[in-house]
Amino acid sequence: MYHTFNISSNLKIAELRQDPIIVNVSDIDDEFVPEFRQAVSMAISAQQKVLPIVIDCYGGNIHSLLSIIDTLNTCSISIATVVLGKAIGAAAVLASCGDKGLRFIGENSTLMLNNISKDSWGETGEFKPDSREVERLHKKICAIIDKNTDNEKGHFEQLIKDKGGCDWYLDADDALFYKLVDHKKIPHFEINIYPTYKFDKKEYKEVIFDEVN
């Protein structure tokens, strides 16, 4: 995903304090979690209306994913998720967690859902849960997907079970069908920089050429 600036020709100098915040997800692990929280805080402080999360990821640690989801659930700005390439395992769950209407997938991108296994904890962590904890977390993750896709609890757990608990790959059309995403396209992030004017307390916005056409 890319972003462009539309700058008024009436401005001699246009300089932002910082570029818009866009989170790129290539791995979901303990190291990424604090970086993600910081990015969310920066976007909120900058009064950014939408925070795009661009996902091109082979998955990662389930506990790290749940920490990120908790952060999203308390976030005061809109969250857009954009799958650009792949969203495997934990990353596919994250892709479903964007705000409704703001979940995107590239036409040639792929999602993959599977049964949580003892390998879903990252390569560096020493913690390995027992089978009961694995089952609990699997049900929890499936319940999150059910909520994100407006299905009754147990729906995706049964779907994954019907697939034999093995890797379940979905193309963009499949992801749309199962309501994991809302749009099969990559969004364009535009930043408009132009002055506003007030006369007798009434505000007037400068008309940008692109808005006229």
N, C-alpha and C. Protein backbone atom coordinates (compact mmCIF):
# COMPACT_ATOMS: atom_id res chain seq x y z
N MET A 1 0.84 -1.18 0.00
CA MET A 1 0.00 0.00 0.00
C MET A 1 0.88 1.24 0.00
N TYR A 2 0.48 2.27 -0.76
CA TYR A 2 1.26 3.49 -0.81
C TYR A 2 0.38 4.67 -0.41
N HIS A 3 1.02 5.81 -0.13
CA HIS A 3 0.27 7.01 0.19
C HIS A 3 0.81 8.18 -0.61
N THR A 4 -0.08 9.15 -0.88
CA THR A 4 0.30 10.33 -1.65
C THR A 4 -0.16 11.58 -0.91
N PHE A 5 0.48 12.70 -1.23
CA PHE A 5 0.14 13.99 -0.65
C PHE A 5 -0.46 14.89 -1.72
N ASN A 6 -1.59 15.48 -1.40
CA ASN A 6 -2.19 16.53 -2.23
C ASN A 6 -1.99 17.86 -1.50
N ILE A 7 -1.14 18.72 -2.04
CA ILE A 7 -0.75 19.95 -1.34
C ILE A 7 -1.26 21.16 -2.11
N SER A 8 -1.88 22.08 -1.41
CA SER A 8 -2.41 23.29 -2.03
C SER A 8 -1.30 24.10 -2.69
N SER A 9 -1.59 24.61 -3.88
CA SER A 9 -0.62 25.48 -4.57
C SER A 9 -0.52 26.84 -3.89
N ASN A 10 -1.45 27.15 -3.00
CA ASN A 10 -1.41 28.43 -2.28
C ASN A 10 -0.45 28.41 -1.09
N LEU A 11 0.06 27.22 -0.76
CA LEU A 11 1.00 27.12 0.36
C LEU A 11 2.43 27.15 -0.15
N LYS A 12 3.21 28.07 0.41
CA LYS A 12 4.61 28.17 0.02
C LYS A 12 5.42 27.02 0.60
N ILE A 13 5.11 26.68 1.85
CA ILE A 13 5.80 25.59 2.54
C ILE A 13 4.76 24.68 3.18
N ALA A 14 4.90 23.40 3.00
CA ALA A 14 4.03 22.42 3.65
C ALA A 14 4.90 21.35 4.28
N GLU A 15 4.91 21.31 5.59
CA GLU A 15 5.77 20.36 6.30
C GLU A 15 4.99 19.75 7.46
N LEU A 16 4.84 18.44 7.43
CA LEU A 16 4.17 17.75 8.52
C LEU A 16 5.16 17.47 9.65
N ARG A 17 4.65 17.39 10.86
CA ARG A 17 5.51 17.03 11.98
C ARG A 17 6.03 15.61 11.81
N GLN A 18 5.21 14.76 11.22
CA GLN A 18 5.62 13.39 10.91
C GLN A 18 4.76 12.85 9.78
N ASP A 19 5.29 11.89 9.06
CA ASP A 19 4.49 11.23 8.03
C ASP A 19 3.38 10.44 8.69
N PRO A 20 2.32 10.14 7.95
CA PRO A 20 1.25 9.32 8.53
C PRO A 20 1.77 7.97 9.01
N ILE A 21 1.21 7.48 10.10
CA ILE A 21 1.64 6.21 10.68
C ILE A 21 0.98 5.06 9.92
N ILE A 22 1.81 4.15 9.41
CA ILE A 22 1.34 2.93 8.77
C ILE A 22 2.13 1.78 9.40
N VAL A 23 1.45 0.78 9.94
CA VAL A 23 2.11 -0.35 10.58
C VAL A 23 2.29 -1.47 9.57
N ASN A 24 3.52 -1.92 9.39
CA ASN A 24 3.82 -3.05 8.51
C ASN A 24 4.11 -4.29 9.36
N VAL A 25 3.35 -5.35 9.12
CA VAL A 25 3.47 -6.57 9.92
C VAL A 25 4.13 -7.66 9.09
N SER A 26 5.35 -8.04 9.49
CA SER A 26 6.05 -9.13 8.82
C SER A 26 6.27 -10.31 9.76
N ASP A 27 6.07 -10.09 11.06
CA ASP A 27 6.18 -11.17 12.04
C ASP A 27 5.39 -10.75 13.27
N ILE A 28 4.79 -11.70 13.94
CA ILE A 28 4.01 -11.43 15.15
C ILE A 28 4.71 -12.14 16.29
N ASP A 29 5.51 -11.38 17.05
CA ASP A 29 6.26 -11.97 18.15
C ASP A 29 6.37 -10.96 19.29
N ASP A 30 7.06 -11.35 20.36
CA ASP A 30 7.18 -10.49 21.54
C ASP A 30 7.90 -9.18 21.23
N GLU A 31 8.80 -9.20 20.27
CA GLU A 31 9.53 -7.99 19.91
C GLU A 31 8.64 -7.00 19.17
N PHE A 32 7.71 -7.51 18.39
CA PHE A 32 6.84 -6.63 17.59
C PHE A 32 5.77 -5.95 18.44
N VAL A 33 5.31 -6.59 19.51
CA VAL A 33 4.18 -6.07 20.31
C VAL A 33 4.42 -4.65 20.81
N PRO A 34 5.56 -4.35 21.49
CA PRO A 34 5.76 -2.96 21.95
C PRO A 34 5.88 -1.96 20.80
N GLU A 35 6.44 -2.40 19.67
CA GLU A 35 6.51 -1.52 18.50
C GLU A 35 5.10 -1.19 18.00
N PHE A 36 4.23 -2.18 18.03
CA PHE A 36 2.86 -1.97 17.60
C PHE A 36 2.14 -1.00 18.53
N ARG A 37 2.29 -1.19 19.82
CA ARG A 37 1.64 -0.30 20.79
C ARG A 37 2.12 1.14 20.61
N GLN A 38 3.42 1.29 20.38
CA GLN A 38 3.96 2.63 20.17
C GLN A 38 3.38 3.28 18.92
N ALA A 39 3.24 2.50 17.86
CA ALA A 39 2.67 3.04 16.62
C ALA A 39 1.23 3.48 16.83
N VAL A 40 0.45 2.70 17.57
CA VAL A 40 -0.93 3.06 17.87
C VAL A 40 -0.97 4.36 18.67
N SER A 41 -0.11 4.47 19.68
CA SER A 41 -0.06 5.69 20.50
C SER A 41 0.32 6.90 19.66
N MET A 42 1.27 6.75 18.75
CA MET A 42 1.70 7.85 17.90
C MET A 42 0.57 8.29 16.97
N ALA A 43 -0.17 7.32 16.42
CA ALA A 43 -1.28 7.65 15.52
C ALA A 43 -2.38 8.39 16.27
N ILE A 44 -2.67 7.96 17.49
CA ILE A 44 -3.68 8.63 18.29
C ILE A 44 -3.23 10.04 18.65
N SER A 45 -1.97 10.20 19.06
CA SER A 45 -1.44 11.51 19.43
C SER A 45 -1.45 12.48 18.25
N ALA A 46 -1.23 11.94 17.04
CA ALA A 46 -1.24 12.77 15.83
C ALA A 46 -2.66 13.04 15.33
N GLN A 47 -3.66 12.51 16.04
CA GLN A 47 -5.07 12.66 15.67
C GLN A 47 -5.35 12.10 14.27
N GLN A 48 -4.63 11.05 13.96
CA GLN A 48 -4.86 10.35 12.69
C GLN A 48 -6.18 9.60 12.79
N LYS A 49 -7.02 9.71 11.79
CA LYS A 49 -8.35 9.13 11.87
C LYS A 49 -8.36 7.62 11.63
N VAL A 50 -7.47 7.14 10.77
CA VAL A 50 -7.41 5.71 10.44
C VAL A 50 -5.97 5.25 10.53
N LEU A 51 -5.76 4.09 11.17
CA LEU A 51 -4.42 3.50 11.23
C LEU A 51 -4.39 2.27 10.33
N PRO A 52 -3.69 2.33 9.19
CA PRO A 52 -3.59 1.15 8.32
C PRO A 52 -2.57 0.14 8.87
N ILE A 53 -2.95 -1.12 8.90
CA ILE A 53 -2.05 -2.21 9.28
C ILE A 53 -1.86 -3.08 8.05
N VAL A 54 -0.67 -3.02 7.47
CA VAL A 54 -0.37 -3.76 6.24
C VAL A 54 0.27 -5.08 6.62
N ILE A 55 -0.36 -6.18 6.23
CA ILE A 55 0.05 -7.52 6.66
C ILE A 55 0.64 -8.30 5.50
N ASP A 56 1.88 -8.71 5.65
CA ASP A 56 2.55 -9.63 4.72
C ASP A 56 3.39 -10.53 5.61
N CYS A 57 2.78 -11.60 6.13
CA CYS A 57 3.34 -12.27 7.31
C CYS A 57 3.04 -13.76 7.31
N TYR A 58 4.03 -14.56 7.74
CA TYR A 58 3.87 -16.00 7.85
C TYR A 58 3.29 -16.42 9.20
N GLY A 59 2.87 -15.47 10.03
CA GLY A 59 2.25 -15.82 11.29
C GLY A 59 3.14 -15.48 12.47
N GLY A 60 2.96 -16.22 13.58
CA GLY A 60 3.78 -15.95 14.75
C GLY A 60 3.18 -16.48 16.04
N ASN A 61 3.53 -15.81 17.12
CA ASN A 61 3.20 -16.22 18.47
C ASN A 61 1.75 -15.89 18.82
N ILE A 62 1.01 -16.86 19.32
CA ILE A 62 -0.41 -16.66 19.62
C ILE A 62 -0.60 -15.66 20.76
N HIS A 63 0.20 -15.74 21.80
CA HIS A 63 0.06 -14.80 22.91
C HIS A 63 0.37 -13.37 22.45
N SER A 64 1.32 -13.21 21.56
CA SER A 64 1.61 -11.88 21.00
C SER A 64 0.42 -11.37 20.20
N LEU A 65 -0.20 -12.26 19.44
CA LEU A 65 -1.40 -11.89 18.68
C LEU A 65 -2.50 -11.41 19.62
N LEU A 66 -2.74 -12.13 20.71
CA LEU A 66 -3.79 -11.76 21.65
C LEU A 66 -3.50 -10.42 22.31
N SER A 67 -2.24 -10.14 22.56
CA SER A 67 -1.86 -8.83 23.11
C SER A 67 -2.18 -7.72 22.12
N ILE A 68 -1.89 -7.95 20.85
CA ILE A 68 -2.19 -6.96 19.81
C ILE A 68 -3.71 -6.76 19.70
N ILE A 69 -4.47 -7.85 19.76
CA ILE A 69 -5.93 -7.74 19.67
C ILE A 69 -6.48 -6.95 20.85
N ASP A 70 -5.94 -7.16 22.05
CA ASP A 70 -6.37 -6.38 23.21
C ASP A 70 -6.11 -4.89 22.99
N THR A 71 -4.97 -4.57 22.38
CA THR A 71 -4.65 -3.17 22.07
C THR A 71 -5.66 -2.60 21.08
N LEU A 72 -6.00 -3.37 20.06
CA LEU A 72 -6.97 -2.91 19.07
C LEU A 72 -8.34 -2.69 19.69
N ASN A 73 -8.72 -3.55 20.63
CA ASN A 73 -10.04 -3.45 21.25
C ASN A 73 -10.21 -2.21 22.11
N THR A 74 -9.09 -1.60 22.51
CA THR A 74 -9.16 -0.39 23.33
C THR A 74 -8.72 0.84 22.54
N CYS A 75 -8.54 0.68 21.23
CA CYS A 75 -8.03 1.77 20.39
C CYS A 75 -9.17 2.74 20.07
N SER A 76 -8.86 4.04 20.12
CA SER A 76 -9.89 5.07 19.91
C SER A 76 -9.97 5.56 18.47
N ILE A 77 -9.16 5.00 17.57
CA ILE A 77 -9.22 5.39 16.17
C ILE A 77 -9.57 4.17 15.32
N SER A 78 -9.98 4.42 14.09
CA SER A 78 -10.37 3.33 13.20
C SER A 78 -9.14 2.54 12.75
N ILE A 79 -9.31 1.23 12.63
CA ILE A 79 -8.22 0.34 12.23
C ILE A 79 -8.55 -0.29 10.88
N ALA A 80 -7.65 -0.12 9.92
CA ALA A 80 -7.79 -0.76 8.61
C ALA A 80 -6.73 -1.85 8.49
N THR A 81 -7.13 -3.04 8.08
CA THR A 81 -6.17 -4.11 7.83
C THR A 81 -6.07 -4.36 6.33
N VAL A 82 -4.86 -4.53 5.85
CA VAL A 82 -4.61 -4.70 4.42
C VAL A 82 -3.68 -5.90 4.23
N VAL A 83 -4.19 -6.98 3.65
CA VAL A 83 -3.35 -8.15 3.36
C VAL A 83 -2.71 -7.93 2.00
N LEU A 84 -1.41 -7.87 2.01
CA LEU A 84 -0.66 -7.61 0.78
C LEU A 84 0.38 -8.71 0.61
N GLY A 85 -0.04 -9.81 -0.01
CA GLY A 85 0.85 -10.95 -0.19
C GLY A 85 0.31 -12.17 0.53
N LYS A 86 0.50 -12.21 1.86
CA LYS A 86 0.10 -13.40 2.62
C LYS A 86 -0.25 -13.01 4.05
N ALA A 87 -1.17 -13.77 4.62
CA ALA A 87 -1.51 -13.65 6.04
C ALA A 87 -1.74 -15.07 6.52
N ILE A 88 -0.73 -15.64 7.18
CA ILE A 88 -0.75 -17.04 7.55
C ILE A 88 -0.98 -17.19 9.06
N GLY A 89 -1.86 -18.10 9.44
CA GLY A 89 -2.07 -18.40 10.85
C GLY A 89 -2.51 -17.18 11.65
N ALA A 90 -1.68 -16.77 12.61
CA ALA A 90 -2.00 -15.63 13.47
C ALA A 90 -2.23 -14.36 12.66
N ALA A 91 -1.51 -14.22 11.55
CA ALA A 91 -1.65 -13.02 10.71
C ALA A 91 -3.03 -12.99 10.04
N ALA A 92 -3.58 -14.15 9.71
CA ALA A 92 -4.92 -14.20 9.12
C ALA A 92 -5.97 -13.77 10.13
N VAL A 93 -5.79 -14.17 11.38
CA VAL A 93 -6.70 -13.74 12.44
C VAL A 93 -6.62 -12.22 12.59
N LEU A 94 -5.41 -11.68 12.60
CA LEU A 94 -5.22 -10.24 12.70
C LEU A 94 -5.92 -9.51 11.55
N ALA A 95 -5.85 -10.08 10.35
CA ALA A 95 -6.47 -9.45 9.19
C ALA A 95 -7.98 -9.29 9.38
N SER A 96 -8.58 -10.22 10.11
CA SER A 96 -10.03 -10.15 10.34
C SER A 96 -10.41 -9.15 11.42
N CYS A 97 -9.43 -8.59 12.11
CA CYS A 97 -9.68 -7.74 13.27
C CYS A 97 -9.80 -6.25 12.94
N GLY A 98 -9.69 -5.89 11.67
CA GLY A 98 -9.89 -4.50 11.31
C GLY A 98 -11.35 -4.09 11.49
N ASP A 99 -11.60 -2.79 11.49
CA ASP A 99 -12.98 -2.32 11.60
C ASP A 99 -13.78 -2.77 10.38
N LYS A 100 -15.05 -3.05 10.59
CA LYS A 100 -15.91 -3.49 9.49
C LYS A 100 -15.94 -2.42 8.39
N GLY A 101 -15.75 -2.86 7.17
CA GLY A 101 -15.67 -1.94 6.04
C GLY A 101 -14.26 -1.47 5.74
N LEU A 102 -13.30 -1.79 6.63
CA LEU A 102 -11.91 -1.33 6.46
C LEU A 102 -10.94 -2.51 6.43
N ARG A 103 -11.41 -3.67 5.98
CA ARG A 103 -10.55 -4.85 5.87
C ARG A 103 -10.35 -5.18 4.39
N PHE A 104 -9.11 -5.13 3.95
CA PHE A 104 -8.79 -5.25 2.53
C PHE A 104 -7.86 -6.44 2.29
N ILE A 105 -7.91 -6.95 1.05
CA ILE A 105 -6.98 -7.98 0.63
C ILE A 105 -6.64 -7.75 -0.84
N GLY A 106 -5.38 -7.93 -1.17
CA GLY A 106 -4.96 -7.81 -2.56
C GLY A 106 -5.53 -8.94 -3.40
N GLU A 107 -5.76 -8.68 -4.66
CA GLU A 107 -6.39 -9.66 -5.55
C GLU A 107 -5.63 -10.97 -5.60
N ASN A 108 -4.30 -10.93 -5.48
CA ASN A 108 -3.48 -12.13 -5.58
C ASN A 108 -2.92 -12.59 -4.23
N SER A 109 -3.49 -12.09 -3.15
CA SER A 109 -3.01 -12.43 -1.81
C SER A 109 -3.68 -13.69 -1.28
N THR A 110 -3.10 -14.25 -0.20
CA THR A 110 -3.56 -15.52 0.36
C THR A 110 -3.67 -15.43 1.88
N LEU A 111 -4.76 -16.00 2.42
CA LEU A 111 -4.91 -16.21 3.86
C LEU A 111 -4.79 -17.71 4.14
N MET A 112 -4.37 -18.02 5.35
CA MET A 112 -4.35 -19.42 5.76
C MET A 112 -4.77 -19.53 7.22
N LEU A 113 -5.78 -20.36 7.48
CA LEU A 113 -6.22 -20.67 8.84
C LEU A 113 -5.87 -22.12 9.14
N ASN A 114 -5.59 -22.37 10.43
CA ASN A 114 -5.26 -23.74 10.80
C ASN A 114 -5.60 -23.99 12.26
N ASN A 115 -5.42 -25.20 12.69
CA ASN A 115 -5.59 -25.56 14.09
C ASN A 115 -4.33 -25.16 14.84
N ILE A 116 -4.50 -24.47 15.95
CA ILE A 116 -3.33 -24.05 16.74
C ILE A 116 -2.59 -25.29 17.22
N SER A 117 -1.29 -25.28 17.01
CA SER A 117 -0.47 -26.40 17.45
C SER A 117 0.59 -25.90 18.42
N LYS A 118 1.35 -26.81 18.96
CA LYS A 118 2.41 -26.42 19.88
C LYS A 118 3.56 -25.72 19.17
N ASP A 119 3.49 -25.64 17.85
CA ASP A 119 4.52 -24.92 17.11
C ASP A 119 4.15 -23.46 16.91
N SER A 120 2.99 -23.04 17.41
CA SER A 120 2.50 -21.68 17.16
C SER A 120 2.92 -20.69 18.24
N TRP A 121 4.18 -20.77 18.64
CA TRP A 121 4.63 -19.91 19.74
C TRP A 121 5.90 -19.16 19.40
N GLY A 122 6.32 -19.19 18.15
CA GLY A 122 7.55 -18.51 17.79
C GLY A 122 8.74 -19.41 18.06
N GLU A 123 9.87 -19.05 17.47
CA GLU A 123 11.05 -19.91 17.55
C GLU A 123 11.89 -19.65 18.79
N THR A 124 11.74 -18.43 19.39
CA THR A 124 12.67 -18.07 20.47
C THR A 124 12.11 -18.37 21.85
N GLY A 125 10.79 -18.46 21.98
CA GLY A 125 10.20 -18.66 23.30
C GLY A 125 10.40 -20.07 23.82
N GLU A 126 10.64 -20.18 25.13
CA GLU A 126 10.82 -21.49 25.74
C GLU A 126 9.50 -22.05 26.23
N PHE A 127 8.48 -21.20 26.35
CA PHE A 127 7.19 -21.65 26.86
C PHE A 127 6.48 -22.56 25.86
N LYS A 128 6.10 -23.74 26.31
CA LYS A 128 5.33 -24.67 25.48
C LYS A 128 4.13 -25.14 26.28
N PRO A 129 2.93 -24.72 25.92
CA PRO A 129 1.74 -25.08 26.70
C PRO A 129 1.38 -26.55 26.52
N ASP A 130 0.63 -27.07 27.51
CA ASP A 130 0.17 -28.45 27.38
C ASP A 130 -1.05 -28.48 26.47
N SER A 131 -1.54 -29.68 26.22
CA SER A 131 -2.61 -29.86 25.24
C SER A 131 -3.90 -29.15 25.65
N ARG A 132 -4.16 -29.08 26.97
CA ARG A 132 -5.38 -28.40 27.43
C ARG A 132 -5.33 -26.91 27.12
N GLU A 133 -4.17 -26.31 27.31
CA GLU A 133 -4.02 -24.88 27.02
C GLU A 133 -4.07 -24.62 25.52
N VAL A 134 -3.51 -25.52 24.74
CA VAL A 134 -3.59 -25.40 23.29
C VAL A 134 -5.05 -25.43 22.84
N GLU A 135 -5.83 -26.34 23.40
CA GLU A 135 -7.24 -26.45 23.05
C GLU A 135 -8.00 -25.19 23.46
N ARG A 136 -7.70 -24.68 24.66
CA ARG A 136 -8.38 -23.46 25.13
C ARG A 136 -8.09 -22.28 24.21
N LEU A 137 -6.83 -22.12 23.83
CA LEU A 137 -6.46 -21.00 22.97
C LEU A 137 -7.03 -21.16 21.56
N HIS A 138 -7.08 -22.38 21.08
CA HIS A 138 -7.68 -22.61 19.77
C HIS A 138 -9.14 -22.19 19.76
N LYS A 139 -9.88 -22.57 20.81
CA LYS A 139 -11.28 -22.17 20.90
C LYS A 139 -11.41 -20.65 21.02
N LYS A 140 -10.50 -20.03 21.73
CA LYS A 140 -10.53 -18.57 21.91
C LYS A 140 -10.29 -17.86 20.58
N ILE A 141 -9.29 -18.33 19.83
CA ILE A 141 -9.00 -17.72 18.54
C ILE A 141 -10.17 -17.90 17.58
N CYS A 142 -10.76 -19.09 17.57
CA CYS A 142 -11.91 -19.33 16.68
C CYS A 142 -13.09 -18.44 17.07
N ALA A 143 -13.27 -18.22 18.37
CA ALA A 143 -14.36 -17.35 18.83
C ALA A 143 -14.13 -15.91 18.38
N ILE A 144 -12.88 -15.47 18.36
CA ILE A 144 -12.55 -14.12 17.88
C ILE A 144 -12.90 -14.00 16.40
N ILE A 145 -12.54 -15.02 15.62
CA ILE A 145 -12.87 -15.00 14.19
C ILE A 145 -14.39 -15.01 14.00
N ASP A 146 -15.09 -15.83 14.81
CA ASP A 146 -16.56 -15.86 14.72
C ASP A 146 -17.14 -14.47 14.95
N LYS A 147 -16.66 -13.77 15.95
CA LYS A 147 -17.16 -12.43 16.26
C LYS A 147 -16.85 -11.47 15.12
N ASN A 148 -15.64 -11.56 14.57
CA ASN A 148 -15.23 -10.65 13.49
C ASN A 148 -16.00 -10.88 12.20
N THR A 149 -16.55 -12.08 12.05
CA THR A 149 -17.26 -12.43 10.81
C THR A 149 -18.77 -12.57 11.02
N ASP A 150 -19.24 -12.13 12.19
CA ASP A 150 -20.68 -12.14 12.49
C ASP A 150 -21.29 -13.54 12.43
N ASN A 151 -20.54 -14.52 12.95
CA ASN A 151 -21.04 -15.88 13.02
C ASN A 151 -21.23 -16.31 14.47
N GLU A 152 -22.06 -17.34 14.67
CA GLU A 152 -22.26 -17.87 16.00
C GLU A 152 -20.97 -18.54 16.49
N LYS A 153 -20.80 -18.52 17.81
CA LYS A 153 -19.62 -19.13 18.41
C LYS A 153 -19.55 -20.61 18.05
N GLY A 154 -18.40 -21.06 17.61
CA GLY A 154 -18.19 -22.44 17.23
C GLY A 154 -18.19 -22.66 15.72
N HIS A 155 -18.59 -21.61 14.97
CA HIS A 155 -18.70 -21.75 13.51
C HIS A 155 -17.35 -22.07 12.87
N PHE A 156 -16.34 -21.26 13.15
CA PHE A 156 -15.04 -21.48 12.50
C PHE A 156 -14.30 -22.66 13.10
N GLU A 157 -14.54 -22.95 14.36
CA GLU A 157 -13.94 -24.15 14.95
C GLU A 157 -14.41 -25.38 14.20
N GLN A 158 -15.69 -25.42 13.85
CA GLN A 158 -16.22 -26.55 13.11
C GLN A 158 -15.70 -26.57 11.68
N LEU A 159 -15.60 -25.38 11.05
CA LEU A 159 -15.08 -25.32 9.68
C LEU A 159 -13.65 -25.86 9.61
N ILE A 160 -12.82 -25.46 10.58
CA ILE A 160 -11.44 -25.93 10.60
C ILE A 160 -11.39 -27.42 10.88
N LYS A 161 -12.27 -27.89 11.77
CA LYS A 161 -12.35 -29.32 12.06
C LYS A 161 -12.74 -30.11 10.83
N ASP A 162 -13.67 -29.55 10.06
CA ASP A 162 -14.11 -30.22 8.83
C ASP A 162 -12.98 -30.32 7.80
N LYS A 163 -12.02 -29.39 7.91
CA LYS A 163 -10.86 -29.44 7.01
C LYS A 163 -9.79 -30.40 7.52
N GLY A 164 -10.11 -31.12 8.59
CA GLY A 164 -9.16 -32.07 9.15
C GLY A 164 -8.14 -31.42 10.05
N GLY A 165 -8.37 -30.15 10.43
CA GLY A 165 -7.44 -29.45 11.29
C GLY A 165 -6.14 -29.09 10.59
N CYS A 166 -6.09 -29.28 9.29
CA CYS A 166 -4.87 -28.99 8.55
C CYS A 166 -4.89 -27.56 8.02
N ASP A 167 -3.84 -27.17 7.34
CA ASP A 167 -3.75 -25.81 6.79
C ASP A 167 -4.87 -25.58 5.78
N TRP A 168 -5.60 -24.49 5.97
CA TRP A 168 -6.74 -24.15 5.12
C TRP A 168 -6.43 -22.84 4.42
N TYR A 169 -6.08 -22.94 3.13
CA TYR A 169 -5.69 -21.76 2.35
C TYR A 169 -6.91 -21.15 1.67
N LEU A 170 -6.99 -19.82 1.73
CA LEU A 170 -8.09 -19.09 1.12
C LEU A 170 -7.54 -18.01 0.20
N ASP A 171 -8.05 -17.94 -1.02
CA ASP A 171 -7.67 -16.83 -1.89
C ASP A 171 -8.54 -15.62 -1.55
N ALA A 172 -8.39 -14.55 -2.29
CA ALA A 172 -9.11 -13.31 -1.98
C ALA A 172 -10.62 -13.51 -2.03
N ASP A 173 -11.10 -14.24 -3.02
CA ASP A 173 -12.54 -14.48 -3.13
C ASP A 173 -13.06 -15.32 -1.96
N ASP A 174 -12.28 -16.31 -1.54
CA ASP A 174 -12.68 -17.12 -0.39
C ASP A 174 -12.74 -16.27 0.88
N ALA A 175 -11.73 -15.40 1.05
CA ALA A 175 -11.70 -14.53 2.23
C ALA A 175 -12.91 -13.61 2.27
N LEU A 176 -13.33 -13.13 1.11
CA LEU A 176 -14.55 -12.31 1.02
C LEU A 176 -15.78 -13.15 1.36
N PHE A 177 -15.85 -14.36 0.83
CA PHE A 177 -17.00 -15.22 1.04
C PHE A 177 -17.21 -15.53 2.52
N TYR A 178 -16.12 -15.79 3.23
CA TYR A 178 -16.21 -16.12 4.65
C TYR A 178 -16.19 -14.88 5.55
N LYS A 179 -16.24 -13.70 4.94
CA LYS A 179 -16.34 -12.41 5.64
C LYS A 179 -15.15 -12.11 6.53
N LEU A 180 -13.99 -12.67 6.15
CA LEU A 180 -12.76 -12.34 6.86
C LEU A 180 -12.25 -10.97 6.46
N VAL A 181 -12.62 -10.53 5.25
CA VAL A 181 -12.27 -9.20 4.74
C VAL A 181 -13.51 -8.59 4.10
N ASP A 182 -13.42 -7.32 3.75
CA ASP A 182 -14.56 -6.61 3.16
C ASP A 182 -14.35 -6.23 1.70
N HIS A 183 -13.09 -6.08 1.27
CA HIS A 183 -12.82 -5.59 -0.08
C HIS A 183 -11.65 -6.35 -0.70
N LYS A 184 -11.79 -6.66 -1.99
CA LYS A 184 -10.69 -7.28 -2.74
C LYS A 184 -9.98 -6.18 -3.54
N LYS A 185 -9.20 -5.40 -2.86
CA LYS A 185 -8.42 -4.33 -3.48
C LYS A 185 -7.44 -3.78 -2.46
N ILE A 186 -6.48 -3.01 -2.92
CA ILE A 186 -5.54 -2.33 -2.04
C ILE A 186 -5.94 -0.87 -1.96
N PRO A 187 -6.20 -0.35 -0.78
CA PRO A 187 -6.64 1.04 -0.66
C PRO A 187 -5.52 2.03 -0.92
N HIS A 188 -5.91 3.25 -1.23
CA HIS A 188 -4.98 4.34 -1.48
C HIS A 188 -5.11 5.35 -0.35
N PHE A 189 -4.01 5.66 0.30
CA PHE A 189 -3.99 6.58 1.43
C PHE A 189 -3.59 7.97 0.93
N GLU A 190 -4.53 8.92 0.94
CA GLU A 190 -4.27 10.28 0.48
C GLU A 190 -4.21 11.24 1.67
N ILE A 191 -3.25 12.14 1.63
CA ILE A 191 -3.12 13.17 2.66
C ILE A 191 -3.30 14.52 1.98
N ASN A 192 -4.38 15.22 2.31
CA ASN A 192 -4.66 16.53 1.74
C ASN A 192 -4.17 17.64 2.67
N ILE A 193 -3.37 18.53 2.13
CA ILE A 193 -2.82 19.64 2.91
C ILE A 193 -3.24 20.94 2.25
N TYR A 194 -4.14 21.65 2.92
CA TYR A 194 -4.63 22.91 2.36
C TYR A 194 -5.18 23.77 3.50
N PRO A 195 -5.23 25.07 3.30
CA PRO A 195 -5.72 25.96 4.37
C PRO A 195 -7.24 26.00 4.41
N THR A 196 -7.76 26.39 5.55
CA THR A 196 -9.17 26.71 5.70
C THR A 196 -9.27 28.18 6.11
N TYR A 197 -10.39 28.79 5.80
CA TYR A 197 -10.58 30.20 6.07
C TYR A 197 -11.86 30.40 6.87
N LYS A 198 -11.85 31.38 7.76
CA LYS A 198 -13.05 31.72 8.51
C LYS A 198 -13.42 33.18 8.25
N PHE A 199 -14.68 33.40 7.96
CA PHE A 199 -15.21 34.76 7.81
C PHE A 199 -16.52 34.83 8.59
N ASP A 200 -16.56 35.73 9.53
CA ASP A 200 -17.72 35.88 10.41
C ASP A 200 -18.07 34.52 11.05
N LYS A 201 -17.03 33.83 11.53
CA LYS A 201 -17.12 32.56 12.25
C LYS A 201 -17.54 31.38 11.37
N LYS A 202 -17.75 31.62 10.08
CA LYS A 202 -18.08 30.52 9.19
C LYS A 202 -16.82 30.04 8.50
N GLU A 203 -16.61 28.72 8.50
CA GLU A 203 -15.37 28.16 7.95
C GLU A 203 -15.56 27.78 6.48
N TYR A 204 -14.56 28.13 5.68
CA TYR A 204 -14.55 27.80 4.26
C TYR A 204 -13.31 26.95 3.97
N LYS A 205 -13.52 25.85 3.28
CA LYS A 205 -12.42 24.97 2.92
C LYS A 205 -11.98 25.25 1.50
N GLU A 206 -10.68 25.32 1.31
CA GLU A 206 -10.17 25.51 -0.05
C GLU A 206 -10.53 24.30 -0.90
N VAL A 207 -10.98 24.53 -2.10
CA VAL A 207 -11.35 23.44 -3.00
C VAL A 207 -10.11 22.97 -3.75
N ILE A 208 -9.81 21.66 -3.63
CA ILE A 208 -8.68 21.08 -4.32
C ILE A 208 -9.12 20.60 -5.70
N PHE A 209 -8.24 20.72 -6.66
CA PHE A 209 -8.59 20.40 -8.04
C PHE A 209 -9.19 19.01 -8.17
N ASP A 210 -8.59 18.00 -7.47
CA ASP A 210 -9.07 16.63 -7.58
C ASP A 210 -10.49 16.47 -7.07
N GLU A 211 -10.89 17.33 -6.10
CA GLU A 211 -12.24 17.24 -5.57
C GLU A 211 -13.28 17.77 -6.55
N VAL A 212 -12.86 18.71 -7.39
CA VAL A 212 -13.78 19.29 -8.38
C VAL A 212 -14.08 18.28 -9.48
N ASN A 213 -13.04 17.51 -9.85
CA ASN A 213 -13.20 16.53 -10.93
C ASN A 213 -13.65 15.22 -10.34
